[in-house]
Amino acid sequence: MSPDDTASKDRFFQQLAQISDAMSAAHGKDFAMGALLLAARFIAEGEARARAAAADTAPTPVTP
């Protein structure tokens, strides 16, 4: 692993820590853990990209 790879991974871990802390503070540890586990499941199942693409093409609801 190159130093650039290590630095990049470290930045992602720092971002994950910040997101985890923010979710825990706002909604509790159970929510944060559940959200991260769900994200891991989406990655494992390859659904993350499909859901993101679907969200980009989903029609915008019209409000009266």
Foldseek 3Di string as FASTA:
>chain_A
DDPVVVVVVVVVVVVLVVVLVVCCVVPRNVVSVVVVVVVVVCVVVVNPVVVVVCVVVPDDDDDD
